[in-house]
Structures are given as structure tokens and as C-alpha cells.
Amino acid sequence: MIPLELFDNLCSYFLRPSPDVDIEADLWDVIADQLSSKLD
């Protein structure tokens, strides 16, 4: 099970790609932190 926020971020990143590269990079950092926390 993953938190709803992480699921939403994953969907936003992979299913609704933004044309703004900076937003995608920031979102990727958030996802990476959330996944790391879940793995821990």
C-alpha cells in the first residue's frame, strides 16, 4: 500500500506529463523522496 499523495504524484508524472521541465524535475524529486521513505 502506498499513500494517496504518492499515487497521485506518480499518476501526475507518468500519465499527465507537463510541458514544463522544471515542474517535472521537482515532481520527480518529490516522488523519489516518497518512494525512499516507503522503502525505508
PDB file of all heavy atoms in Angstrom:
ATOM      1  N   MET A   1       0.851  -1.188   0.000  1.00  0.00           N
ATOM      2  CA  MET A   1       0.000   0.000   0.000  1.00  0.00           C
ATOM      3  C   MET A   1       0.887   1.238   0.000  1.00  0.00           C
ATOM      4  O   MET A   1       1.901   1.282   0.690  1.00  0.00           O
ATOM      5  CB  MET A   1      -0.903  -0.003   1.224  1.00  0.00           C
ATOM      6  CG  MET A   1      -1.906  -1.134   1.211  1.00  0.00           C
ATOM      7  SD  MET A   1      -2.952  -1.191   2.669  1.00  0.00           S
ATOM      8  CE  MET A   1      -3.764   0.382   2.572  1.00  0.00           C
ATOM      9  N   ILE A   2       0.492   2.231  -0.795  1.00  0.00           N
ATOM     10  CA  ILE A   2       1.211   3.496  -0.820  1.00  0.00           C
ATOM     11  C   ILE A   2       0.241   4.611  -0.460  1.00  0.00           C
ATOM     12  O   ILE A   2      -0.965   4.484  -0.678  1.00  0.00           O
ATOM     13  CB  ILE A   2       1.878   3.771  -2.189  1.00  0.00           C
ATOM     14  CG1 ILE A   2       0.837   3.878  -3.308  1.00  0.00           C
ATOM     15  CG2 ILE A   2       2.928   2.729  -2.502  1.00  0.00           C
ATOM     16  CD1 ILE A   2       1.406   4.352  -4.626  1.00  0.00           C
ATOM     17  N   PRO A   3       0.764   5.695   0.077  1.00  0.00           N
ATOM     18  CA  PRO A   3      -0.107   6.831   0.398  1.00  0.00           C
ATOM     19  C   PRO A   3      -0.752   7.402  -0.869  1.00  0.00           C
ATOM     20  O   PRO A   3      -0.175   7.352  -1.965  1.00  0.00           O
ATOM     21  CB  PRO A   3       0.837   7.854   1.028  1.00  0.00           C
ATOM     22  CG  PRO A   3       2.030   7.074   1.464  1.00  0.00           C
ATOM     23  CD  PRO A   3       2.140   5.920   0.511  1.00  0.00           C
ATOM     24  N   LEU A   4      -1.927   7.951  -0.706  1.00  0.00           N
ATOM     25  CA  LEU A   4      -2.666   8.535  -1.821  1.00  0.00           C
ATOM     26  C   LEU A   4      -1.859   9.648  -2.495  1.00  0.00           C
ATOM     27  O   LEU A   4      -1.857   9.769  -3.714  1.00  0.00           O
ATOM     28  CB  LEU A   4      -4.015   9.076  -1.336  1.00  0.00           C
ATOM     29  CG  LEU A   4      -4.908   9.684  -2.399  1.00  0.00           C
ATOM     30  CD1 LEU A   4      -5.236   8.676  -3.487  1.00  0.00           C
ATOM     31  CD2 LEU A   4      -6.194  10.204  -1.765  1.00  0.00           C
ATOM     32  N   GLU A   5      -1.155  10.436  -1.711  1.00  0.00           N
ATOM     33  CA  GLU A   5      -0.349  11.532  -2.273  1.00  0.00           C
ATOM     34  C   GLU A   5       0.724  10.994  -3.220  1.00  0.00           C
ATOM     35  O   GLU A   5       0.950  11.552  -4.298  1.00  0.00           O
ATOM     36  CB  GLU A   5       0.287  12.337  -1.146  1.00  0.00           C
ATOM     37  CG  GLU A   5       1.118  13.499  -1.639  1.00  0.00           C
ATOM     38  CD  GLU A   5       1.807  14.254  -0.507  1.00  0.00           C
ATOM     39  OE1 GLU A   5       1.729  13.833   0.655  1.00  0.00           O
ATOM     40  OE2 GLU A   5       2.424  15.276  -0.822  1.00  0.00           O
ATOM     41  N   LEU A   6       1.375   9.906  -2.835  1.00  0.00           N
ATOM     42  CA  LEU A   6       2.393   9.308  -3.706  1.00  0.00           C
ATOM     43  C   LEU A   6       1.749   8.775  -4.980  1.00  0.00           C
ATOM     44  O   LEU A   6       2.272   8.979  -6.087  1.00  0.00           O
ATOM     45  CB  LEU A   6       3.130   8.189  -2.973  1.00  0.00           C
ATOM     46  CG  LEU A   6       4.126   7.369  -3.790  1.00  0.00           C
ATOM     47  CD1 LEU A   6       5.168   8.257  -4.452  1.00  0.00           C
ATOM     48  CD2 LEU A   6       4.778   6.316  -2.919  1.00  0.00           C
ATOM     49  N   PHE A   7       0.619   8.106  -4.865  1.00  0.00           N
ATOM     50  CA  PHE A   7      -0.086   7.599  -6.042  1.00  0.00           C
ATOM     51  C   PHE A   7      -0.465   8.741  -6.978  1.00  0.00           C
ATOM     52  O   PHE A   7      -0.271   8.654  -8.196  1.00  0.00           O
ATOM     53  CB  PHE A   7      -1.333   6.825  -5.613  1.00  0.00           C
ATOM     54  CG  PHE A   7      -2.115   6.265  -6.765  1.00  0.00           C
ATOM     55  CD1 PHE A   7      -1.662   5.156  -7.454  1.00  0.00           C
ATOM     56  CD2 PHE A   7      -3.299   6.864  -7.160  1.00  0.00           C
ATOM     57  CE1 PHE A   7      -2.376   4.643  -8.524  1.00  0.00           C
ATOM     58  CE2 PHE A   7      -4.023   6.360  -8.225  1.00  0.00           C
ATOM     59  CZ  PHE A   7      -3.560   5.244  -8.905  1.00  0.00           C
ATOM     60  N   ASP A   8      -0.978   9.817  -6.415  1.00  0.00           N
ATOM     61  CA  ASP A   8      -1.356  10.988  -7.220  1.00  0.00           C
ATOM     62  C   ASP A   8      -0.136  11.585  -7.921  1.00  0.00           C
ATOM     63  O   ASP A   8      -0.199  11.943  -9.104  1.00  0.00           O
ATOM     64  CB  ASP A   8      -2.036  12.030  -6.340  1.00  0.00           C
ATOM     65  CG  ASP A   8      -2.571  13.193  -7.142  1.00  0.00           C
ATOM     66  OD1 ASP A   8      -3.159  12.954  -8.213  1.00  0.00           O
ATOM     67  OD2 ASP A   8      -2.393  14.351  -6.692  1.00  0.00           O
ATOM     68  N   ASN A   9       0.973  11.687  -7.206  1.00  0.00           N
ATOM     69  CA  ASN A   9       2.198  12.226  -7.814  1.00  0.00           C
ATOM     70  C   ASN A   9       2.696  11.332  -8.947  1.00  0.00           C
ATOM     71  O   ASN A   9       3.134  11.825  -9.989  1.00  0.00           O
ATOM     72  CB  ASN A   9       3.286  12.403  -6.766  1.00  0.00           C
ATOM     73  CG  ASN A   9       3.022  13.563  -5.845  1.00  0.00           C
ATOM     74  OD1 ASN A   9       2.270  14.474  -6.177  1.00  0.00           O
ATOM     75  ND2 ASN A   9       3.609  13.539  -4.667  1.00  0.00           N
ATOM     76  N   LEU A  10       2.637  10.014  -8.750  1.00  0.00           N
ATOM     77  CA  LEU A  10       3.051   9.090  -9.805  1.00  0.00           C
ATOM     78  C   LEU A  10       2.158   9.223 -11.038  1.00  0.00           C
ATOM     79  O   LEU A  10       2.654   9.253 -12.173  1.00  0.00           O
ATOM     80  CB  LEU A  10       3.032   7.651  -9.294  1.00  0.00           C
ATOM     81  CG  LEU A  10       4.150   7.276  -8.321  1.00  0.00           C
ATOM     82  CD1 LEU A  10       3.842   5.947  -7.646  1.00  0.00           C
ATOM     83  CD2 LEU A  10       5.483   7.220  -9.032  1.00  0.00           C
ATOM     84  N   CYS A  11       0.861   9.305 -10.809  1.00  0.00           N
ATOM     85  CA  CYS A  11      -0.062   9.487 -11.934  1.00  0.00           C
ATOM     86  C   CYS A  11       0.196  10.807 -12.644  1.00  0.00           C
ATOM     87  O   CYS A  11       0.201  10.861 -13.883  1.00  0.00           O
ATOM     88  CB  CYS A  11      -1.510   9.428 -11.447  1.00  0.00           C
ATOM     89  SG  CYS A  11      -2.026   7.769 -10.979  1.00  0.00           S
ATOM     90  N   SER A  12       0.415  11.859 -11.876  1.00  0.00           N
ATOM     91  CA  SER A  12       0.677  13.163 -12.483  1.00  0.00           C
ATOM     92  C   SER A  12       1.943  13.130 -13.327  1.00  0.00           C
ATOM     93  O   SER A  12       1.998  13.710 -14.410  1.00  0.00           O
ATOM     94  CB  SER A  12       0.827  14.237 -11.400  1.00  0.00           C
ATOM     95  OG  SER A  12      -0.380  14.436 -10.731  1.00  0.00           O
ATOM     96  N   TYR A  13       2.953  12.450 -12.836  1.00  0.00           N
ATOM     97  CA  TYR A  13       4.226  12.421 -13.548  1.00  0.00           C
ATOM     98  C   TYR A  13       4.150  11.571 -14.812  1.00  0.00           C
ATOM     99  O   TYR A  13       4.628  11.970 -15.868  1.00  0.00           O
ATOM    100  CB  TYR A  13       5.326  11.889 -12.634  1.00  0.00           C
ATOM    101  CG  TYR A  13       6.693  11.981 -13.261  1.00  0.00           C
ATOM    102  CD1 TYR A  13       7.407  13.169 -13.248  1.00  0.00           C
ATOM    103  CD2 TYR A  13       7.260  10.875 -13.888  1.00  0.00           C
ATOM    104  CE1 TYR A  13       8.650  13.260 -13.838  1.00  0.00           C
ATOM    105  CE2 TYR A  13       8.505  10.956 -14.479  1.00  0.00           C
ATOM    106  CZ  TYR A  13       9.201  12.154 -14.451  1.00  0.00           C
ATOM    107  OH  TYR A  13      10.435  12.230 -15.034  1.00  0.00           O
ATOM    108  N   PHE A  14       3.559  10.382 -14.702  1.00  0.00           N
ATOM    109  CA  PHE A  14       3.585   9.452 -15.825  1.00  0.00           C
ATOM    110  C   PHE A  14       2.388   9.557 -16.766  1.00  0.00           C
ATOM    111  O   PHE A  14       2.506   9.243 -17.951  1.00  0.00           O
ATOM    112  CB  PHE A  14       3.704   8.008 -15.322  1.00  0.00           C
ATOM    113  CG  PHE A  14       5.061   7.705 -14.776  1.00  0.00           C
ATOM    114  CD1 PHE A  14       5.258   7.596 -13.410  1.00  0.00           C
ATOM    115  CD2 PHE A  14       6.150   7.550 -15.615  1.00  0.00           C
ATOM    116  CE1 PHE A  14       6.514   7.323 -12.896  1.00  0.00           C
ATOM    117  CE2 PHE A  14       7.408   7.284 -15.109  1.00  0.00           C
ATOM    118  CZ  PHE A  14       7.597   7.175 -13.746  1.00  0.00           C
ATOM    119  N   LEU A  15       1.246   9.967 -16.266  1.00  0.00           N
ATOM    120  CA  LEU A  15       0.048   9.964 -17.107  1.00  0.00           C
ATOM    121  C   LEU A  15      -0.331  11.342 -17.634  1.00  0.00           C
ATOM    122  O   LEU A  15      -1.025  11.454 -18.632  1.00  0.00           O
ATOM    123  CB  LEU A  15      -1.133   9.371 -16.342  1.00  0.00           C
ATOM    124  CG  LEU A  15      -0.925   7.937 -15.860  1.00  0.00           C
ATOM    125  CD1 LEU A  15      -2.135   7.467 -15.075  1.00  0.00           C
ATOM    126  CD2 LEU A  15      -0.651   7.012 -17.029  1.00  0.00           C
ATOM    127  N   ARG A  16       0.089  12.376 -16.931  1.00  0.00           N
ATOM    128  CA  ARG A  16      -0.218  13.741 -17.378  1.00  0.00           C
ATOM    129  C   ARG A  16       1.067  14.546 -17.428  1.00  0.00           C
ATOM    130  O   ARG A  16       1.290  15.441 -16.613  1.00  0.00           O
ATOM    131  CB  ARG A  16      -1.196  14.402 -16.402  1.00  0.00           C
ATOM    132  CG  ARG A  16      -2.543  13.711 -16.355  1.00  0.00           C
ATOM    133  CD  ARG A  16      -3.385  14.339 -15.313  1.00  0.00           C
ATOM    134  NE  ARG A  16      -2.833  13.910 -14.018  1.00  0.00           N
ATOM    135  CZ  ARG A  16      -3.504  13.896 -12.894  1.00  0.00           C
ATOM    136  NH1 ARG A  16      -4.718  14.324 -12.848  1.00  0.00           N
ATOM    137  NH2 ARG A  16      -2.959  13.483 -11.772  1.00  0.00           N
ATOM    138  N   PRO A  17       1.938  14.206 -18.345  1.00  0.00           N
ATOM    139  CA  PRO A  17       3.221  14.917 -18.379  1.00  0.00           C
ATOM    140  C   PRO A  17       3.038  16.406 -18.641  1.00  0.00           C
ATOM    141  O   PRO A  17       2.218  16.809 -19.448  1.00  0.00           O
ATOM    142  CB  PRO A  17       3.988  14.243 -19.514  1.00  0.00           C
ATOM    143  CG  PRO A  17       2.979  13.522 -20.301  1.00  0.00           C
ATOM    144  CD  PRO A  17       1.801  13.249 -19.408  1.00  0.00           C
ATOM    145  N   SER A  18       3.775  17.163 -17.917  1.00  0.00           N
ATOM    146  CA  SER A  18       3.723  18.612 -18.040  1.00  0.00           C
ATOM    147  C   SER A  18       4.747  19.066 -19.077  1.00  0.00           C
ATOM    148  O   SER A  18       5.845  18.524 -19.156  1.00  0.00           O
ATOM    149  CB  SER A  18       4.049  19.238 -16.682  1.00  0.00           C
ATOM    150  OG  SER A  18       4.227  20.616 -16.816  1.00  0.00           O
ATOM    151  N   PRO A  19       4.404  20.081 -19.861  1.00  0.00           N
ATOM    152  CA  PRO A  19       5.396  20.595 -20.815  1.00  0.00           C
ATOM    153  C   PRO A  19       6.535  21.348 -20.116  1.00  0.00           C
ATOM    154  O   PRO A  19       7.567  21.595 -20.714  1.00  0.00           O
ATOM    155  CB  PRO A  19       4.581  21.536 -21.700  1.00  0.00           C
ATOM    156  CG  PRO A  19       3.389  21.902 -20.898  1.00  0.00           C
ATOM    157  CD  PRO A  19       3.122  20.753 -19.970  1.00  0.00           C
ATOM    158  N   ASP A  20       6.333  21.672 -18.854  1.00  0.00           N
ATOM    159  CA  ASP A  20       7.343  22.411 -18.100  1.00  0.00           C
ATOM    160  C   ASP A  20       8.335  21.431 -17.467  1.00  0.00           C
ATOM    161  O   ASP A  20       8.001  20.678 -16.560  1.00  0.00           O
ATOM    162  CB  ASP A  20       6.664  23.254 -17.014  1.00  0.00           C
ATOM    163  CG  ASP A  20       7.626  24.189 -16.307  1.00  0.00           C
ATOM    164  OD1 ASP A  20       8.848  24.090 -16.553  1.00  0.00           O
ATOM    165  OD2 ASP A  20       7.154  25.008 -15.507  1.00  0.00           O
ATOM    166  N   VAL A  21       9.562  21.443 -17.946  1.00  0.00           N
ATOM    167  CA  VAL A  21      10.586  20.516 -17.480  1.00  0.00           C
ATOM    168  C   VAL A  21      10.910  20.747 -16.009  1.00  0.00           C
ATOM    169  O   VAL A  21      11.167  19.795 -15.262  1.00  0.00           O
ATOM    170  CB  VAL A  21      11.857  20.643 -18.352  1.00  0.00           C
ATOM    171  CG1 VAL A  21      12.977  19.781 -17.810  1.00  0.00           C
ATOM    172  CG2 VAL A  21      11.547  20.290 -19.787  1.00  0.00           C
ATOM    173  N   ASP A  22      10.891  21.986 -15.538  1.00  0.00           N
ATOM    174  CA  ASP A  22      11.194  22.288 -14.140  1.00  0.00           C
ATOM    175  C   ASP A  22      10.170  21.662 -13.203  1.00  0.00           C
ATOM    176  O   ASP A  22      10.525  21.138 -12.149  1.00  0.00           O
ATOM    177  CB  ASP A  22      11.261  23.799 -13.901  1.00  0.00           C
ATOM    178  CG  ASP A  22      12.474  24.435 -14.576  1.00  0.00           C
ATOM    179  OD1 ASP A  22      13.470  23.722 -14.779  1.00  0.00           O
ATOM    180  OD2 ASP A  22      12.402  25.642 -14.891  1.00  0.00           O
ATOM    181  N   ILE A  23       8.899  21.703 -13.575  1.00  0.00           N
ATOM    182  CA  ILE A  23       7.855  21.105 -12.747  1.00  0.00           C
ATOM    183  C   ILE A  23       8.035  19.593 -12.704  1.00  0.00           C
ATOM    184  O   ILE A  23       7.918  18.973 -11.647  1.00  0.00           O
ATOM    185  CB  ILE A  23       6.449  21.486 -13.265  1.00  0.00           C
ATOM    186  CG1 ILE A  23       6.199  22.974 -13.029  1.00  0.00           C
ATOM    187  CG2 ILE A  23       5.370  20.641 -12.597  1.00  0.00           C
ATOM    188  CD1 ILE A  23       4.909  23.488 -13.610  1.00  0.00           C
ATOM    189  N   GLU A  24       8.358  18.992 -13.844  1.00  0.00           N
ATOM    190  CA  GLU A  24       8.582  17.551 -13.881  1.00  0.00           C
ATOM    191  C   GLU A  24       9.776  17.157 -13.021  1.00  0.00           C
ATOM    192  O   GLU A  24       9.726  16.157 -12.313  1.00  0.00           O
ATOM    193  CB  GLU A  24       8.785  17.066 -15.311  1.00  0.00           C
ATOM    194  CG  GLU A  24       7.504  16.960 -16.093  1.00  0.00           C
ATOM    195  CD  GLU A  24       7.700  16.280 -17.433  1.00  0.00           C
ATOM    196  OE1 GLU A  24       8.789  15.729 -17.695  1.00  0.00           O
ATOM    197  OE2 GLU A  24       6.746  16.299 -18.219  1.00  0.00           O
ATOM    198  N   ALA A  25      10.833  17.932 -13.060  1.00  0.00           N
ATOM    199  CA  ALA A  25      12.018  17.636 -12.253  1.00  0.00           C
ATOM    200  C   ALA A  25      11.693  17.747 -10.771  1.00  0.00           C
ATOM    201  O   ALA A  25      12.110  16.904  -9.970  1.00  0.00           O
ATOM    202  CB  ALA A  25      13.158  18.570 -12.625  1.00  0.00           C
ATOM    203  N   ASP A  26      10.945  18.783 -10.394  1.00  0.00           N
ATOM    204  CA  ASP A  26      10.552  18.946  -8.992  1.00  0.00           C
ATOM    205  C   ASP A  26       9.651  17.807  -8.542  1.00  0.00           C
ATOM    206  O   ASP A  26       9.805  17.271  -7.439  1.00  0.00           O
ATOM    207  CB  ASP A  26       9.839  20.286  -8.776  1.00  0.00           C
ATOM    208  CG  ASP A  26      10.769  21.475  -8.933  1.00  0.00           C
ATOM    209  OD1 ASP A  26      12.006  21.290  -8.831  1.00  0.00           O
ATOM    210  OD2 ASP A  26      10.258  22.593  -9.158  1.00  0.00           O
ATOM    211  N   LEU A  27       8.706  17.425  -9.393  1.00  0.00           N
ATOM    212  CA  LEU A  27       7.796  16.333  -9.070  1.00  0.00           C
ATOM    213  C   LEU A  27       8.565  15.030  -8.943  1.00  0.00           C
ATOM    214  O   LEU A  27       8.301  14.217  -8.064  1.00  0.00           O
ATOM    215  CB  LEU A  27       6.690  16.220 -10.122  1.00  0.00           C
ATOM    216  CG  LEU A  27       5.574  15.226  -9.849  1.00  0.00           C
ATOM    217  CD1 LEU A  27       4.898  15.515  -8.509  1.00  0.00           C
ATOM    218  CD2 LEU A  27       4.556  15.261 -10.972  1.00  0.00           C
ATOM    219  N   TRP A  28       9.547  14.833  -9.824  1.00  0.00           N
ATOM    220  CA  TRP A  28      10.363  13.626  -9.740  1.00  0.00           C
ATOM    221  C   TRP A  28      11.112  13.573  -8.409  1.00  0.00           C
ATOM    222  O   TRP A  28      11.206  12.495  -7.799  1.00  0.00           O
ATOM    223  CB  TRP A  28      11.346  13.559 -10.906  1.00  0.00           C
ATOM    224  CG  TRP A  28      12.201  12.334 -10.830  1.00  0.00           C
ATOM    225  CD1 TRP A  28      13.506  12.266 -10.491  1.00  0.00           C
ATOM    226  CD2 TRP A  28      11.770  10.989 -11.040  1.00  0.00           C
ATOM    227  NE1 TRP A  28      13.933  10.961 -10.493  1.00  0.00           N
ATOM    228  CE2 TRP A  28      12.874  10.161 -10.828  1.00  0.00           C
ATOM    229  CE3 TRP A  28      10.552  10.416 -11.389  1.00  0.00           C
ATOM    230  CZ2 TRP A  28      12.816   8.778 -10.954  1.00  0.00           C
ATOM    231  CZ3 TRP A  28      10.491   9.035 -11.512  1.00  0.00           C
ATOM    232  CH2 TRP A  28      11.608   8.234 -11.296  1.00  0.00           C
ATOM    233  N   ASP A  29      11.629  14.696  -7.931  1.00  0.00           N
ATOM    234  CA  ASP A  29      12.321  14.729  -6.642  1.00  0.00           C
ATOM    235  C   ASP A  29      11.369  14.363  -5.504  1.00  0.00           C
ATOM    236  O   ASP A  29      11.740  13.620  -4.592  1.00  0.00           O
ATOM    237  CB  ASP A  29      12.929  16.106  -6.385  1.00  0.00           C
ATOM    238  CG  ASP A  29      14.102  16.408  -7.316  1.00  0.00           C
ATOM    239  OD1 ASP A  29      14.692  15.456  -7.864  1.00  0.00           O
ATOM    240  OD2 ASP A  29      14.424  17.598  -7.486  1.00  0.00           O
ATOM    241  N   VAL A  30      10.157  14.867  -5.555  1.00  0.00           N
ATOM    242  CA  VAL A  30       9.157  14.552  -4.524  1.00  0.00           C
ATOM    243  C   VAL A  30       8.834  13.062  -4.550  1.00  0.00           C
ATOM    244  O   VAL A  30       8.785  12.404  -3.506  1.00  0.00           O
ATOM    245  CB  VAL A  30       7.876  15.396  -4.729  1.00  0.00           C
ATOM    246  CG1 VAL A  30       6.742  14.907  -3.847  1.00  0.00           C
ATOM    247  CG2 VAL A  30       8.157  16.867  -4.469  1.00  0.00           C
ATOM    248  N   ILE A  31       8.627  12.514  -5.744  1.00  0.00           N
ATOM    249  CA  ILE A  31       8.321  11.084  -5.880  1.00  0.00           C
ATOM    250  C   ILE A  31       9.479  10.246  -5.354  1.00  0.00           C
ATOM    251  O   ILE A  31       9.271   9.266  -4.630  1.00  0.00           O
ATOM    252  CB  ILE A  31       7.999  10.734  -7.349  1.00  0.00           C
ATOM    253  CG1 ILE A  31       6.670  11.364  -7.750  1.00  0.00           C
ATOM    254  CG2 ILE A  31       7.981   9.229  -7.566  1.00  0.00           C
ATOM    255  CD1 ILE A  31       6.369  11.276  -9.238  1.00  0.00           C
ATOM    256  N   ALA A  32      10.697  10.606  -5.704  1.00  0.00           N
ATOM    257  CA  ALA A  32      11.867   9.858  -5.251  1.00  0.00           C
ATOM    258  C   ALA A  32      11.954   9.868  -3.729  1.00  0.00           C
ATOM    259  O   ALA A  32      12.241   8.832  -3.110  1.00  0.00           O
ATOM    260  CB  ALA A  32      13.133  10.434  -5.864  1.00  0.00           C
ATOM    261  N   ASP A  33      11.705  11.009  -3.097  1.00  0.00           N
ATOM    262  CA  ASP A  33      11.718  11.098  -1.633  1.00  0.00           C
ATOM    263  C   ASP A  33      10.624  10.237  -1.013  1.00  0.00           C
ATOM    264  O   ASP A  33      10.854   9.539  -0.022  1.00  0.00           O
ATOM    265  CB  ASP A  33      11.546  12.547  -1.169  1.00  0.00           C
ATOM    266  CG  ASP A  33      12.760  13.406  -1.460  1.00  0.00           C
ATOM    267  OD1 ASP A  33      13.855  12.843  -1.710  1.00  0.00           O
ATOM    268  OD2 ASP A  33      12.618  14.649  -1.442  1.00  0.00           O
ATOM    269  N   GLN A  34       9.419  10.273  -1.599  1.00  0.00           N
ATOM    270  CA  GLN A  34       8.313   9.490  -1.069  1.00  0.00           C
ATOM    271  C   GLN A  34       8.566   7.991  -1.231  1.00  0.00           C
ATOM    272  O   GLN A  34       8.284   7.206  -0.323  1.00  0.00           O
ATOM    273  CB  GLN A  34       7.002   9.882  -1.756  1.00  0.00           C
ATOM    274  CG  GLN A  34       6.528  11.270  -1.378  1.00  0.00           C
ATOM    275  CD  GLN A  34       5.341  11.728  -2.204  1.00  0.00           C
ATOM    276  OE1 GLN A  34       5.178  11.352  -3.364  1.00  0.00           O
ATOM    277  NE2 GLN A  34       4.499  12.553  -1.601  1.00  0.00           N
ATOM    278  N   LEU A  35       9.111   7.584  -2.362  1.00  0.00           N
ATOM    279  CA  LEU A  35       9.424   6.170  -2.566  1.00  0.00           C
ATOM    280  C   LEU A  35      10.534   5.708  -1.637  1.00  0.00           C
ATOM    281  O   LEU A  35      10.494   4.596  -1.101  1.00  0.00           O
ATOM    282  CB  LEU A  35       9.806   5.911  -4.026  1.00  0.00           C
ATOM    283  CG  LEU A  35       8.669   5.928  -5.032  1.00  0.00           C
ATOM    284  CD1 LEU A  35       9.217   5.822  -6.452  1.00  0.00           C
ATOM    285  CD2 LEU A  35       7.674   4.814  -4.762  1.00  0.00           C
ATOM    286  N   SER A  36      11.513   6.545  -1.422  1.00  0.00           N
ATOM    287  CA  SER A  36      12.586   6.216  -0.499  1.00  0.00           C
ATOM    288  C   SER A  36      12.053   6.037   0.916  1.00  0.00           C
ATOM    289  O   SER A  36      12.437   5.100   1.625  1.00  0.00           O
ATOM    290  CB  SER A  36      13.656   7.307  -0.534  1.00  0.00           C
ATOM    291  OG  SER A  36      14.670   7.024   0.379  1.00  0.00           O
ATOM    292  N   SER A  37      11.164   6.918   1.309  1.00  0.00           N
ATOM    293  CA  SER A  37      10.544   6.815   2.626  1.00  0.00           C
ATOM    294  C   SER A  37       9.743   5.528   2.760  1.00  0.00           C
ATOM    295  O   SER A  37       9.797   4.842   3.788  1.00  0.00           O
ATOM    296  CB  SER A  37       9.647   8.029   2.866  1.00  0.00           C
ATOM    297  OG  SER A  37       8.972   7.923   4.074  1.00  0.00           O
ATOM    298  N   LYS A  38       9.001   5.169   1.717  1.00  0.00           N
ATOM    299  CA  LYS A  38       8.211   3.936   1.732  1.00  0.00           C
ATOM    300  C   LYS A  38       9.120   2.722   1.809  1.00  0.00           C
ATOM    301  O   LYS A  38       8.855   1.777   2.553  1.00  0.00           O
ATOM    302  CB  LYS A  38       7.325   3.868   0.480  1.00  0.00           C
ATOM    303  CG  LYS A  38       6.460   2.638   0.405  1.00  0.00           C
ATOM    304  CD  LYS A  38       5.475   2.584   1.550  1.00  0.00           C
ATOM    305  CE  LYS A  38       4.592   1.360   1.446  1.00  0.00           C
ATOM    306  NZ  LYS A  38       3.638   1.279   2.548  1.00  0.00           N
ATOM    307  N   LEU A  39      10.208   2.730   1.061  1.00  0.00           N
ATOM    308  CA  LEU A  39      11.147   1.615   1.092  1.00  0.00           C
ATOM    309  C   LEU A  39      11.763   1.463   2.477  1.00  0.00           C
ATOM    310  O   LEU A  39      11.885   0.343   2.990  1.00  0.00           O
ATOM    311  CB  LEU A  39      12.234   1.800   0.034  1.00  0.00           C
ATOM    312  CG  LEU A  39      13.248   0.675  -0.083  1.00  0.00           C
ATOM    313  CD1 LEU A  39      12.563  -0.636  -0.440  1.00  0.00           C
ATOM    314  CD2 LEU A  39      14.291   1.022  -1.121  1.00  0.00           C
ATOM    315  N   ASP A  40      12.142   2.561   3.104  1.00  0.00           N
ATOM    316  CA  ASP A  40      12.682   2.514   4.471  1.00  0.00           C
ATOM    317  C   ASP A  40      11.672   1.908   5.438  1.00  0.00           C
ATOM    318  O   ASP A  40      12.025   1.088   6.288  1.00  0.00           O
ATOM    319  CB  ASP A  40      13.082   3.912   4.944  1.00  0.00           C
ATOM    320  CG  ASP A  40      14.300   4.457   4.220  1.00  0.00           C
ATOM    321  OD1 ASP A  40      15.022   3.672   3.571  1.00  0.00           O
ATOM    322  OD2 ASP A  40      14.522   5.680   4.293  1.00  0.00           O
TER     323      ASP A  40
END
